[in-house]
Amino acid sequence: MQHHYIERDTRKIKTEQFYGDQAVQFLYSRIREQSSWLFRRLTSARISSVLGHMNYDGILSRRMNNYLDIHQQLNIDPRECLDVPGNLNSLRSIFERKIRYWECRPMPNDPCAIVSPADSRMLLGSFQEESGLFIKDKFFDYEEMFGADKRTWLAAFRKGDFAAFRLTPEKYHFNHTPVAGKILDFYQIPGTYHACNPHAVVSTVTPYSKNKRVVTIIDTDVEGGTKAGLVAMIEVVALMIGDIVQCYSEKKYDNPVSVGTGIFVKKGMPKSLFRPGSSTVVLIFQKDRVRFADDIAANMFYPDAESIFSHGFGKSLVETEVKVRSYIASSCNHMDTNKII
């Protein structure tokens, strides 16, 4: 079936062209069903690293350079890039490119605005049964996502809302901070390297909470913060993603530092880099602390769009393509008297 998404700027229905889709479908159907041992091996860190090297540094990358205009094929605007086109001469350099985000990805001036962490395709969800966005255990297992031993955060975000941002391989692969605030916790959770292709997601492997991931808990109710309560930013690796490099910068890409507890992060700044490929960022918010943008919420139920997620989960789930640093939600701008820190 086709997989559609809504282009936010034009409201047009677009059809996604998947990279390596036949291989993903084969991996998540025949191999998974017929050889669980081989399936586990193919989604391991070692095999993911080997596949990533072959695709972005090895023979496949060199073959593409011989007969493809990669920039045109991937619809990359060279005017956005910091490097001149001649320096973006490999798949890896293209997927790890830096852009003039301060010029080509404007950010709203509203201090209560929450912005997209990535150039991506976005879906909304809620853990509240009374919410029209209620999605229970479709994209990830709630306790697995944080880690079963993280009782403080499991309690703090229960019955909250979430947004999932799926990066496709051709996208700009730096993640930016969606809010301003103080980092209360920062930790990694080991895991597998499943694909985050929609076919893989709906095959019930719940890759967002099975894959290796980095969790950052941000308190936005501090001075200078976005006033949206606690916000969890969870960066999820995928097949052929070798690493998530933490490289927070307060001005352009200058003087990057590692992310850690206790530091204050400004909104819209580069935070990390997926190296390389496609993956996902999930934002989780506390109950009643944010209001999502009306157009993104409405697009999920777009009647003329066909979605693999809708077909697989039995609920209308149409993605919206959003740009990094663009408005996606507003804080409700009130203090939570039950906040746990």
C-alpha atoms as a PDB file:
ATOM      1  CA  MET A   1       0.000   0.000   0.000  1.00  0.00           C
ATOM      2  CA  GLN A   2       1.021   3.621  -0.395  1.00  0.00           C
ATOM      3  CA  HIS A   3       2.141   5.670   2.578  1.00  0.00           C
ATOM      4  CA  HIS A   4       1.022   9.285   2.485  1.00  0.00           C
ATOM      5  CA  TYR A   5       1.963  12.250   4.639  1.00  0.00           C
ATOM      6  CA  ILE A   6       0.824  15.869   4.694  1.00  0.00           C
ATOM      7  CA  GLU A   7       3.257  18.573   3.647  1.00  0.00           C
ATOM      8  CA  ARG A   8       2.612  21.201   6.283  1.00  0.00           C
ATOM      9  CA  ASP A   9       3.452  24.317   4.273  1.00  0.00           C
ATOM     10  CA  THR A  10       1.216  23.453   1.314  1.00  0.00           C
ATOM     11  CA  ARG A  11      -1.326  21.043   2.895  1.00  0.00           C
ATOM     12  CA  LYS A  12      -0.698  18.709  -0.021  1.00  0.00           C
ATOM     13  CA  ILE A  13      -0.803  14.922   0.249  1.00  0.00           C
ATOM     14  CA  LYS A  14       2.601  13.451  -0.572  1.00  0.00           C
ATOM     15  CA  THR A  15       3.615   9.838  -1.183  1.00  0.00           C
ATOM     16  CA  GLU A  16       6.712   8.605   0.637  1.00  0.00           C
ATOM     17  CA  GLN A  17       9.362   6.787  -1.358  1.00  0.00           C
ATOM     18  CA  PHE A  18      10.939   4.257   0.993  1.00  0.00           C
ATOM     19  CA  TYR A  19      14.640   3.439   0.857  1.00  0.00           C
ATOM     20  CA  GLY A  20      15.285  -0.302   0.914  1.00  0.00           C
ATOM     21  CA  ASP A  21      11.623  -1.028   1.614  1.00  0.00           C
ATOM     22  CA  GLN A  22      11.646  -4.502   0.074  1.00  0.00           C
ATOM     23  CA  ALA A  23      14.571  -5.508   2.275  1.00  0.00           C
ATOM     24  CA  VAL A  24      12.809  -4.165   5.384  1.00  0.00           C
ATOM     25  CA  GLN A  25       9.598  -6.015   4.566  1.00  0.00           C
ATOM     26  CA  PHE A  26      11.568  -9.222   3.928  1.00  0.00           C
ATOM     27  CA  LEU A  27      13.441  -8.830   7.224  1.00  0.00           C
ATOM     28  CA  TYR A  28      10.278  -8.191   9.233  1.00  0.00           C
ATOM     29  CA  SER A  29       8.205 -10.940   7.657  1.00  0.00           C
ATOM     30  CA  ARG A  30       9.966 -14.034   6.333  1.00  0.00           C
ATOM     31  CA  ILE A  31      13.222 -13.857   8.289  1.00  0.00           C
ATOM     32  CA  ARG A  32      11.499 -12.883  11.523  1.00  0.00           C
ATOM     33  CA  GLU A  33       8.949 -15.664  11.167  1.00  0.00           C
ATOM     34  CA  GLN A  34      11.285 -18.367   9.905  1.00  0.00           C
ATOM     35  CA  SER A  35      14.520 -17.722  11.801  1.00  0.00           C
ATOM     36  CA  SER A  36      14.319 -15.810  15.071  1.00  0.00           C
ATOM     37  CA  TRP A  37      18.061 -16.362  15.629  1.00  0.00           C
ATOM     38  CA  LEU A  38      18.974 -14.764  12.279  1.00  0.00           C
ATOM     39  CA  PHE A  39      16.501 -11.925  12.909  1.00  0.00           C
ATOM     40  CA  ARG A  40      18.172 -11.126  16.243  1.00  0.00           C
ATOM     41  CA  ARG A  41      21.591 -11.161  14.579  1.00  0.00           C
ATOM     42  CA  LEU A  42      20.503  -8.813  11.790  1.00  0.00           C
ATOM     43  CA  THR A  43      19.150  -6.277  14.308  1.00  0.00           C
ATOM     44  CA  SER A  44      22.241  -6.389  16.528  1.00  0.00           C
ATOM     45  CA  ALA A  45      24.661  -3.505  17.051  1.00  0.00           C
ATOM     46  CA  ARG A  46      27.452  -5.259  15.136  1.00  0.00           C
ATOM     47  CA  ILE A  47      25.418  -6.002  12.002  1.00  0.00           C
ATOM     48  CA  SER A  48      23.840  -2.531  12.088  1.00  0.00           C
ATOM     49  CA  SER A  49      27.323  -1.001  12.155  1.00  0.00           C
ATOM     50  CA  VAL A  50      28.499  -3.172   9.249  1.00  0.00           C
ATOM     51  CA  LEU A  51      25.437  -2.312   7.157  1.00  0.00           C
ATOM     52  CA  GLY A  52      25.869   1.366   7.955  1.00  0.00           C
ATOM     53  CA  HIS A  53      29.516   1.296   6.861  1.00  0.00           C
ATOM     54  CA  MET A  54      28.661  -0.486   3.604  1.00  0.00           C
ATOM     55  CA  ASN A  55      25.858   1.935   2.844  1.00  0.00           C
ATOM     56  CA  TYR A  56      27.459   5.243   3.809  1.00  0.00           C
ATOM     57  CA  ASP A  57      31.211   4.651   3.475  1.00  0.00           C
ATOM     58  CA  GLY A  58      31.753   1.487   1.465  1.00  0.00           C
ATOM     59  CA  ILE A  59      30.916  -0.014  -1.885  1.00  0.00           C
ATOM     60  CA  LEU A  60      27.283   1.086  -2.049  1.00  0.00           C
ATOM     61  CA  SER A  61      28.203   4.707  -1.366  1.00  0.00           C
ATOM     62  CA  ARG A  62      30.953   4.684  -4.003  1.00  0.00           C
ATOM     63  CA  ARG A  63      28.645   3.139  -6.586  1.00  0.00           C
ATOM     64  CA  MET A  64      26.048   5.856  -5.998  1.00  0.00           C
ATOM     65  CA  ASN A  65      28.664   8.554  -6.481  1.00  0.00           C
ATOM     66  CA  ASN A  66      29.457   7.115  -9.903  1.00  0.00           C
ATOM     67  CA  TYR A  67      26.053   7.516 -11.451  1.00  0.00           C
ATOM     68  CA  LEU A  68      23.760   9.658  -9.311  1.00  0.00           C
ATOM     69  CA  ASP A  69      23.501  13.337  -8.690  1.00  0.00           C
ATOM     70  CA  ILE A  70      22.933  12.670  -4.992  1.00  0.00           C
ATOM     71  CA  HIS A  71      21.880  16.195  -4.064  1.00  0.00           C
ATOM     72  CA  GLN A  72      19.183  16.276  -6.730  1.00  0.00           C
ATOM     73  CA  GLN A  73      18.106  12.703  -6.067  1.00  0.00           C
ATOM     74  CA  LEU A  74      17.611  13.421  -2.367  1.00  0.00           C
ATOM     75  CA  ASN A  75      16.068  16.860  -2.975  1.00  0.00           C
ATOM     76  CA  ILE A  76      18.684  18.688  -0.894  1.00  0.00           C
ATOM     77  CA  ASP A  77      18.805  22.463  -1.253  1.00  0.00           C
ATOM     78  CA  PRO A  78      22.505  23.412  -1.420  1.00  0.00           C
ATOM     79  CA  ARG A  79      21.653  26.990  -0.380  1.00  0.00           C
ATOM     80  CA  GLU A  80      20.760  25.686   3.086  1.00  0.00           C
ATOM     81  CA  CYS A  81      24.065  23.889   3.630  1.00  0.00           C
ATOM     82  CA  LEU A  82      27.088  25.339   5.398  1.00  0.00           C
ATOM     83  CA  ASP A  83      29.435  23.317   3.189  1.00  0.00           C
ATOM     84  CA  VAL A  84      29.722  24.003  -0.521  1.00  0.00           C
ATOM     85  CA  PRO A  85      28.218  21.203  -2.670  1.00  0.00           C
ATOM     86  CA  GLY A  86      31.672  19.983  -3.700  1.00  0.00           C
ATOM     87  CA  ASN A  87      32.465  19.061  -0.082  1.00  0.00           C
ATOM     88  CA  LEU A  88      29.286  17.018   0.257  1.00  0.00           C
ATOM     89  CA  ASN A  89      30.691  14.254  -1.906  1.00  0.00           C
ATOM     90  CA  SER A  90      29.666  11.131  -0.008  1.00  0.00           C
ATOM     91  CA  LEU A  91      26.497   9.747   1.522  1.00  0.00           C
ATOM     92  CA  ARG A  92      27.935  10.165   5.004  1.00  0.00           C
ATOM     93  CA  SER A  93      28.881  13.817   4.494  1.00  0.00           C
ATOM     94  CA  ILE A  94      25.434  14.529   3.076  1.00  0.00           C
ATOM     95  CA  PHE A  95      23.562  12.865   5.932  1.00  0.00           C
ATOM     96  CA  GLU A  96      25.766  14.550   8.557  1.00  0.00           C
ATOM     97  CA  ARG A  97      25.552  17.966   6.886  1.00  0.00           C
ATOM     98  CA  LYS A  98      25.129  21.206   8.801  1.00  0.00           C
ATOM     99  CA  ILE A  99      22.637  23.817   7.645  1.00  0.00           C
ATOM    100  CA  ARG A 100      22.155  27.536   8.156  1.00  0.00           C
ATOM    101  CA  TYR A 101      19.281  26.868  10.525  1.00  0.00           C
ATOM    102  CA  TRP A 102      19.379  30.412  11.893  1.00  0.00           C
ATOM    103  CA  GLU A 103      18.385  31.573   8.392  1.00  0.00           C
ATOM    104  CA  CYS A 104      16.401  28.708   6.834  1.00  0.00           C
ATOM    105  CA  ARG A 105      14.646  27.290   9.922  1.00  0.00           C
ATOM    106  CA  PRO A 106      13.094  30.309  11.698  1.00  0.00           C
ATOM    107  CA  MET A 107      11.762  29.802  15.207  1.00  0.00           C
ATOM    108  CA  PRO A 108       8.646  31.447  16.755  1.00  0.00           C
ATOM    109  CA  ASN A 109       9.312  34.290  19.192  1.00  0.00           C
ATOM    110  CA  ASP A 110       6.662  33.113  21.679  1.00  0.00           C
ATOM    111  CA  PRO A 111       8.506  31.947  24.847  1.00  0.00           C
ATOM    112  CA  CYS A 112       5.695  29.404  25.444  1.00  0.00           C
ATOM    113  CA  ALA A 113       6.135  27.783  22.015  1.00  0.00           C
ATOM    114  CA  ILE A 114       7.451  24.227  21.751  1.00  0.00           C
ATOM    115  CA  VAL A 115       9.319  23.524  18.530  1.00  0.00           C
ATOM    116  CA  SER A 116      10.081  20.487  16.421  1.00  0.00           C
ATOM    117  CA  PRO A 117      13.365  18.792  17.336  1.00  0.00           C
ATOM    118  CA  ALA A 118      14.005  17.615  13.764  1.00  0.00           C
ATOM    119  CA  ASP A 119      13.211  17.819  10.077  1.00  0.00           C
ATOM    120  CA  SER A 120      10.830  14.890  10.203  1.00  0.00           C
ATOM    121  CA  ARG A 121       7.386  13.364   9.821  1.00  0.00           C
ATOM    122  CA  MET A 122       5.353  13.798  12.958  1.00  0.00           C
ATOM    123  CA  LEU A 123       2.524  12.015  14.755  1.00  0.00           C
ATOM    124  CA  LEU A 124       0.756  12.906  17.997  1.00  0.00           C
ATOM    125  CA  GLY A 125      -0.524  10.674  20.752  1.00  0.00           C
ATOM    126  CA  SER A 126      -1.849  10.641  24.291  1.00  0.00           C
ATOM    127  CA  PHE A 127      -1.886   8.222  27.215  1.00  0.00           C
ATOM    128  CA  GLN A 128      -5.246   9.643  28.376  1.00  0.00           C
ATOM    129  CA  GLU A 129      -8.189   7.453  27.461  1.00  0.00           C
ATOM    130  CA  GLU A 130     -10.493  10.467  27.241  1.00  0.00           C
ATOM    131  CA  SER A 131      -8.256  12.149  24.669  1.00  0.00           C
ATOM    132  CA  GLY A 132      -9.037  12.066  20.956  1.00  0.00           C
ATOM    133  CA  LEU A 133      -5.331  11.341  20.469  1.00  0.00           C
ATOM    134  CA  PHE A 134      -5.373   8.265  22.737  1.00  0.00           C
ATOM    135  CA  ILE A 135      -2.976   5.613  21.431  1.00  0.00           C
ATOM    136  CA  LYS A 136      -2.212   2.794  23.844  1.00  0.00           C
ATOM    137  CA  ASP A 137       0.968   0.742  23.383  1.00  0.00           C
ATOM    138  CA  LYS A 138       1.048   1.206  19.612  1.00  0.00           C
ATOM    139  CA  PHE A 139       4.386   2.883  19.021  1.00  0.00           C
ATOM    140  CA  PHE A 140       6.154   1.932  22.242  1.00  0.00           C
ATOM    141  CA  ASP A 141       5.777   0.320  25.614  1.00  0.00           C
ATOM    142  CA  TYR A 142       5.520   3.133  28.162  1.00  0.00           C
ATOM    143  CA  GLU A 143       7.622   1.539  30.913  1.00  0.00           C
ATOM    144  CA  GLU A 144      10.216   0.235  28.472  1.00  0.00           C
ATOM    145  CA  MET A 145      10.585   3.692  26.959  1.00  0.00           C
ATOM    146  CA  PHE A 146      11.908   5.240  30.181  1.00  0.00           C
ATOM    147  CA  GLY A 147      13.302   2.064  31.735  1.00  0.00           C
ATOM    148  CA  ALA A 148      11.335   0.002  34.258  1.00  0.00           C
ATOM    149  CA  ASP A 149      13.540   1.217  37.144  1.00  0.00           C
ATOM    150  CA  LYS A 150      12.875   4.928  36.435  1.00  0.00           C
ATOM    151  CA  ARG A 151       9.909   5.164  38.768  1.00  0.00           C
ATOM    152  CA  THR A 152      10.169   8.927  39.251  1.00  0.00           C
ATOM    153  CA  TRP A 153       9.769   9.632  35.538  1.00  0.00           C
ATOM    154  CA  LEU A 154       7.198   6.893  35.004  1.00  0.00           C
ATOM    155  CA  ALA A 155       5.029   8.554  37.648  1.00  0.00           C
ATOM    156  CA  ALA A 156       5.682  12.093  36.410  1.00  0.00           C
ATOM    157  CA  PHE A 157       4.630  11.455  32.789  1.00  0.00           C
ATOM    158  CA  ARG A 158       1.785   9.005  33.339  1.00  0.00           C
ATOM    159  CA  LYS A 159      -1.391  10.007  31.435  1.00  0.00           C
ATOM    160  CA  GLY A 160       0.582  12.612  29.523  1.00  0.00           C
ATOM    161  CA  ASP A 161       0.907  13.256  25.795  1.00  0.00           C
ATOM    162  CA  PHE A 162       3.605  12.496  23.234  1.00  0.00           C
ATOM    163  CA  ALA A 163       4.830  13.370  19.774  1.00  0.00           C
ATOM    164  CA  ALA A 164       6.925  11.087  17.548  1.00  0.00           C
ATOM    165  CA  PHE A 165       9.252  12.542  14.905  1.00  0.00           C
ATOM    166  CA  ARG A 166      10.438  10.089  12.229  1.00  0.00           C
ATOM    167  CA  LEU A 167      13.545  11.119  10.329  1.00  0.00           C
ATOM    168  CA  THR A 168      13.895   9.677   6.838  1.00  0.00           C
ATOM    169  CA  PRO A 169      17.380   9.008   5.420  1.00  0.00           C
ATOM    170  CA  GLU A 170      17.650  12.148   3.292  1.00  0.00           C
ATOM    171  CA  LYS A 171      16.809  14.512   6.165  1.00  0.00           C
ATOM    172  CA  TYR A 172      19.079  16.878   8.057  1.00  0.00           C
ATOM    173  CA  HIS A 173      20.170  14.676  10.966  1.00  0.00           C
ATOM    174  CA  PHE A 174      20.951  17.098  13.774  1.00  0.00           C
ATOM    175  CA  ASN A 175      18.371  17.133  16.577  1.00  0.00           C
ATOM    176  CA  HIS A 176      17.573  20.456  18.235  1.00  0.00           C
ATOM    177  CA  THR A 177      16.233  21.261  21.676  1.00  0.00           C
ATOM    178  CA  PRO A 178      12.413  21.583  21.567  1.00  0.00           C
ATOM    179  CA  VAL A 179      12.187  23.604  24.788  1.00  0.00           C
ATOM    180  CA  ALA A 180      14.295  25.706  27.110  1.00  0.00           C
ATOM    181  CA  GLY A 181      15.040  24.435  30.586  1.00  0.00           C
ATOM    182  CA  LYS A 182      17.375  22.679  32.992  1.00  0.00           C
ATOM    183  CA  ILE A 183      18.378  19.050  32.408  1.00  0.00           C
ATOM    184  CA  LEU A 184      17.394  16.961  35.434  1.00  0.00           C
ATOM    185  CA  ASP A 185      18.447  13.556  34.121  1.00  0.00           C
ATOM    186  CA  PHE A 186      20.352  12.147  31.166  1.00  0.00           C
ATOM    187  CA  TYR A 187      20.926   8.449  30.567  1.00  0.00           C
ATOM    188  CA  GLN A 188      21.247   5.770  27.895  1.00  0.00           C
ATOM    189  CA  ILE A 189      19.271   2.536  27.609  1.00  0.00           C
ATOM    190  CA  PRO A 190      20.875  -0.321  25.660  1.00  0.00           C
ATOM    191  CA  GLY A 191      18.825  -2.150  23.057  1.00  0.00           C
ATOM    192  CA  THR A 192      18.537  -3.506  19.549  1.00  0.00           C
ATOM    193  CA  TYR A 193      18.789  -1.761  16.165  1.00  0.00           C
ATOM    194  CA  HIS A 194      15.416  -2.314  14.520  1.00  0.00           C
ATOM    195  CA  ALA A 195      14.419  -0.281  11.485  1.00  0.00           C
ATOM    196  CA  CYS A 196      12.024   2.608  12.156  1.00  0.00           C
ATOM    197  CA  ASN A 197      10.372   2.184   8.764  1.00  0.00           C
ATOM    198  CA  PRO A 198       6.535   2.176   9.175  1.00  0.00           C
ATOM    199  CA  HIS A 199       6.422  -1.467   8.037  1.00  0.00           C
ATOM    200  CA  ALA A 200       8.739  -2.377  10.916  1.00  0.00           C
ATOM    201  CA  VAL A 201       6.821  -0.278  13.445  1.00  0.00           C
ATOM    202  CA  VAL A 202       3.450  -1.862  12.694  1.00  0.00           C
ATOM    203  CA  SER A 203       4.929  -5.372  12.781  1.00  0.00           C
ATOM    204  CA  THR A 204       4.630  -5.117  16.608  1.00  0.00           C
ATOM    205  CA  VAL A 205       8.356  -4.973  17.366  1.00  0.00           C
ATOM    206  CA  THR A 206       7.783  -1.519  18.970  1.00  0.00           C
ATOM    207  CA  PRO A 207      11.271  -0.346  17.969  1.00  0.00           C
ATOM    208  CA  TYR A 208      10.999   3.001  19.761  1.00  0.00           C
ATOM    209  CA  SER A 209      11.175   1.260  23.141  1.00  0.00           C
ATOM    210  CA  LYS A 210      13.227  -1.783  22.102  1.00  0.00           C
ATOM    211  CA  ASN A 211      16.084   0.030  20.372  1.00  0.00           C
ATOM    212  CA  LYS A 212      19.048   1.677  22.035  1.00  0.00           C
ATOM    213  CA  ARG A 213      18.023   5.198  23.074  1.00  0.00           C
ATOM    214  CA  VAL A 214      19.096   8.290  24.953  1.00  0.00           C
ATOM    215  CA  VAL A 215      16.711   9.899  27.452  1.00  0.00           C
ATOM    216  CA  THR A 216      16.958  13.563  28.445  1.00  0.00           C
ATOM    217  CA  ILE A 217      14.579  14.943  31.107  1.00  0.00           C
ATOM    218  CA  ILE A 218      14.206  18.737  30.972  1.00  0.00           C
ATOM    219  CA  ASP A 219      12.555  20.904  33.642  1.00  0.00           C
ATOM    220  CA  THR A 220      11.042  23.846  31.782  1.00  0.00           C
ATOM    221  CA  ASP A 221       9.450  25.496  34.841  1.00  0.00           C
ATOM    222  CA  VAL A 222      12.748  27.127  35.784  1.00  0.00           C
ATOM    223  CA  GLU A 223      13.659  30.768  35.143  1.00  0.00           C
ATOM    224  CA  GLY A 224      14.016  31.301  31.408  1.00  0.00           C
ATOM    225  CA  GLY A 225      12.264  28.015  30.635  1.00  0.00           C
ATOM    226  CA  THR A 226       9.334  27.278  28.344  1.00  0.00           C
ATOM    227  CA  LYS A 227       6.922  26.688  31.279  1.00  0.00           C
ATOM    228  CA  ALA A 228       5.682  23.340  29.969  1.00  0.00           C
ATOM    229  CA  GLY A 229       6.482  21.206  33.020  1.00  0.00           C
ATOM    230  CA  LEU A 230       8.830  18.276  32.624  1.00  0.00           C
ATOM    231  CA  VAL A 231       9.653  17.258  29.060  1.00  0.00           C
ATOM    232  CA  ALA A 232      11.284  13.972  28.083  1.00  0.00           C
ATOM    233  CA  MET A 233      13.288  13.993  24.859  1.00  0.00           C
ATOM    234  CA  ILE A 234      14.077  10.434  23.774  1.00  0.00           C
ATOM    235  CA  GLU A 235      16.413   9.884  20.837  1.00  0.00           C
ATOM    236  CA  VAL A 236      16.094   6.405  19.321  1.00  0.00           C
ATOM    237  CA  VAL A 237      18.680   4.669  17.138  1.00  0.00           C
ATOM    238  CA  ALA A 238      17.666   2.543  14.163  1.00  0.00           C
ATOM    239  CA  LEU A 239      19.091   0.045  11.710  1.00  0.00           C
ATOM    240  CA  MET A 240      22.360   1.456  10.289  1.00  0.00           C
ATOM    241  CA  ILE A 241      22.510   4.220  12.930  1.00  0.00           C
ATOM    242  CA  GLY A 242      25.920   3.843  14.503  1.00  0.00           C
ATOM    243  CA  ASP A 243      25.688   6.405  17.269  1.00  0.00           C
ATOM    244  CA  ILE A 244      23.967   9.453  18.734  1.00  0.00           C
ATOM    245  CA  VAL A 245      26.596  12.140  19.240  1.00  0.00           C
ATOM    246  CA  GLN A 246      25.697  14.683  21.924  1.00  0.00           C
ATOM    247  CA  CYS A 247      26.962  18.083  20.738  1.00  0.00           C
ATOM    248  CA  TYR A 248      24.936  20.932  22.242  1.00  0.00           C
ATOM    249  CA  SER A 249      25.827  24.410  20.961  1.00  0.00           C
ATOM    250  CA  GLU A 250      24.370  27.745  22.053  1.00  0.00           C
ATOM    251  CA  LYS A 251      25.475  29.585  18.913  1.00  0.00           C
ATOM    252  CA  LYS A 252      25.267  27.951  15.498  1.00  0.00           C
ATOM    253  CA  TYR A 253      27.471  24.822  15.778  1.00  0.00           C
ATOM    254  CA  ASP A 254      30.248  26.548  17.711  1.00  0.00           C
ATOM    255  CA  ASN A 255      31.982  25.058  20.752  1.00  0.00           C
ATOM    256  CA  PRO A 256      29.796  21.927  21.119  1.00  0.00           C
ATOM    257  CA  VAL A 257      29.571  20.354  24.578  1.00  0.00           C
ATOM    258  CA  SER A 258      28.274  17.038  25.847  1.00  0.00           C
ATOM    259  CA  VAL A 259      24.796  17.064  27.328  1.00  0.00           C
ATOM    260  CA  GLY A 260      24.537  16.272  31.023  1.00  0.00           C
ATOM    261  CA  THR A 261      22.509  16.859  34.167  1.00  0.00           C
ATOM    262  CA  GLY A 262      22.470  20.361  35.592  1.00  0.00           C
ATOM    263  CA  ILE A 263      23.026  22.333  32.411  1.00  0.00           C
ATOM    264  CA  PHE A 264      20.500  24.824  31.055  1.00  0.00           C
ATOM    265  CA  VAL A 265      19.619  24.384  27.375  1.00  0.00           C
ATOM    266  CA  LYS A 266      18.182  27.089  25.181  1.00  0.00           C
ATOM    267  CA  LYS A 267      15.327  26.302  22.814  1.00  0.00           C
ATOM    268  CA  GLY A 268      16.049  25.495  19.179  1.00  0.00           C
ATOM    269  CA  MET A 269      19.776  24.835  19.549  1.00  0.00           C
ATOM    270  CA  PRO A 270      21.630  21.824  18.068  1.00  0.00           C
ATOM    271  CA  LYS A 271      21.711  19.070  20.701  1.00  0.00           C
ATOM    272  CA  SER A 272      22.780  15.855  18.992  1.00  0.00           C
ATOM    273  CA  LEU A 273      23.548  14.142  15.698  1.00  0.00           C
ATOM    274  CA  PHE A 274      22.303  10.787  14.434  1.00  0.00           C
ATOM    275  CA  ARG A 275      25.282   9.186  12.708  1.00  0.00           C
ATOM    276  CA  PRO A 276      23.954   8.378   9.998  1.00  0.00           C
ATOM    277  CA  GLY A 277      20.708   7.011   8.448  1.00  0.00           C
ATOM    278  CA  SER A 278      17.138   7.418   9.653  1.00  0.00           C
ATOM    279  CA  SER A 279      15.727   7.301  13.156  1.00  0.00           C
ATOM    280  CA  THR A 280      13.181   8.785  15.556  1.00  0.00           C
ATOM    281  CA  VAL A 281      12.836  11.349  18.328  1.00  0.00           C
ATOM    282  CA  VAL A 282       9.975  11.034  20.823  1.00  0.00           C
ATOM    283  CA  LEU A 283       8.866  13.910  23.069  1.00  0.00           C
ATOM    284  CA  ILE A 284       6.757  13.057  26.116  1.00  0.00           C
ATOM    285  CA  PHE A 285       4.902  15.727  28.096  1.00  0.00           C
ATOM    286  CA  GLN A 286       3.143  15.729  31.442  1.00  0.00           C
ATOM    287  CA  LYS A 287      -0.640  15.618  31.596  1.00  0.00           C
ATOM    288  CA  ASP A 288      -2.391  18.875  30.630  1.00  0.00           C
ATOM    289  CA  ARG A 289       0.821  20.836  30.175  1.00  0.00           C
ATOM    290  CA  VAL A 290       0.809  21.349  26.393  1.00  0.00           C
ATOM    291  CA  ARG A 291      -1.613  22.057  23.565  1.00  0.00           C
ATOM    292  CA  PHE A 292      -0.585  20.716  20.171  1.00  0.00           C
ATOM    293  CA  ALA A 293      -0.887  22.774  16.993  1.00  0.00           C
ATOM    294  CA  ASP A 294      -4.387  22.439  15.551  1.00  0.00           C
ATOM    295  CA  ASP A 295      -3.241  21.737  11.990  1.00  0.00           C
ATOM    296  CA  ILE A 296      -0.969  18.848  13.005  1.00  0.00           C
ATOM    297  CA  ALA A 297      -3.715  17.281  15.120  1.00  0.00           C
ATOM    298  CA  ALA A 298      -6.257  17.662  12.291  1.00  0.00           C
ATOM    299  CA  ASN A 299      -3.894  16.198   9.684  1.00  0.00           C
ATOM    300  CA  MET A 300      -3.799  12.882  11.549  1.00  0.00           C
ATOM    301  CA  PHE A 301      -7.414  12.316  10.468  1.00  0.00           C
ATOM    302  CA  TYR A 302      -7.001  13.547   6.880  1.00  0.00           C
ATOM    303  CA  PRO A 303      -9.697  11.575   5.011  1.00  0.00           C
ATOM    304  CA  ASP A 304      -7.982  11.261   1.621  1.00  0.00           C
ATOM    305  CA  ALA A 305      -4.562  10.160   2.893  1.00  0.00           C
ATOM    306  CA  GLU A 306      -3.521   6.509   3.072  1.00  0.00           C
ATOM    307  CA  SER A 307      -1.134   5.531   5.868  1.00  0.00           C
ATOM    308  CA  ILE A 308       0.623   2.303   6.814  1.00  0.00           C
ATOM    309  CA  PHE A 309       0.194   3.347  10.452  1.00  0.00           C
ATOM    310  CA  SER A 310      -3.574   3.771   9.992  1.00  0.00           C
ATOM    311  CA  HIS A 311      -3.857   0.391   8.298  1.00  0.00           C
ATOM    312  CA  GLY A 312      -1.662  -1.378  10.837  1.00  0.00           C
ATOM    313  CA  PHE A 313      -3.119   0.115  14.017  1.00  0.00           C
ATOM    314  CA  GLY A 314      -6.790   0.504  12.983  1.00  0.00           C
ATOM    315  CA  LYS A 315      -6.863   4.226  13.749  1.00  0.00           C
ATOM    316  CA  SER A 316      -6.349   7.232  11.499  1.00  0.00           C
ATOM    317  CA  LEU A 317      -2.657   8.154  11.918  1.00  0.00           C
ATOM    318  CA  VAL A 318      -1.450  10.394   9.104  1.00  0.00           C
ATOM    319  CA  GLU A 319       1.923  12.086   9.553  1.00  0.00           C
ATOM    320  CA  THR A 320       2.695  15.768   8.982  1.00  0.00           C
ATOM    321  CA  GLU A 321       6.071  16.779   7.594  1.00  0.00           C
ATOM    322  CA  VAL A 322       7.538  19.449   9.873  1.00  0.00           C
ATOM    323  CA  LYS A 323      10.749  21.427   9.876  1.00  0.00           C
ATOM    324  CA  VAL A 324      13.168  21.627  12.771  1.00  0.00           C
ATOM    325  CA  ARG A 325      12.507  24.636  15.074  1.00  0.00           C
ATOM    326  CA  SER A 326       8.969  25.103  13.684  1.00  0.00           C
ATOM    327  CA  TYR A 327       6.013  25.559  16.047  1.00  0.00           C
ATOM    328  CA  ILE A 328       4.340  22.290  17.108  1.00  0.00           C
ATOM    329  CA  ALA A 329       2.714  23.102  20.475  1.00  0.00           C
ATOM    330  CA  SER A 330       2.296  25.661  23.243  1.00  0.00           C
ATOM    331  CA  SER A 331       2.770  25.269  26.950  1.00  0.00           C
ATOM    332  CA  CYS A 332      -0.365  25.686  29.012  1.00  0.00           C
ATOM    333  CA  ASN A 333       1.758  28.078  31.072  1.00  0.00           C
ATOM    334  CA  HIS A 334       0.736  27.052  34.537  1.00  0.00           C
ATOM    335  CA  MET A 335       2.675  25.406  37.313  1.00  0.00           C
ATOM    336  CA  ASP A 336       1.864  21.802  38.183  1.00  0.00           C
ATOM    337  CA  THR A 337       1.449  21.568  41.933  1.00  0.00           C
ATOM    338  CA  ASN A 338       2.052  17.801  41.727  1.00  0.00           C
ATOM    339  CA  LYS A 339       5.310  18.110  39.768  1.00  0.00           C
ATOM    340  CA  ILE A 340       7.892  15.506  40.739  1.00  0.00           C
ATOM    341  CA  ILE A 341      11.573  16.523  40.604  1.00  0.00           C
END
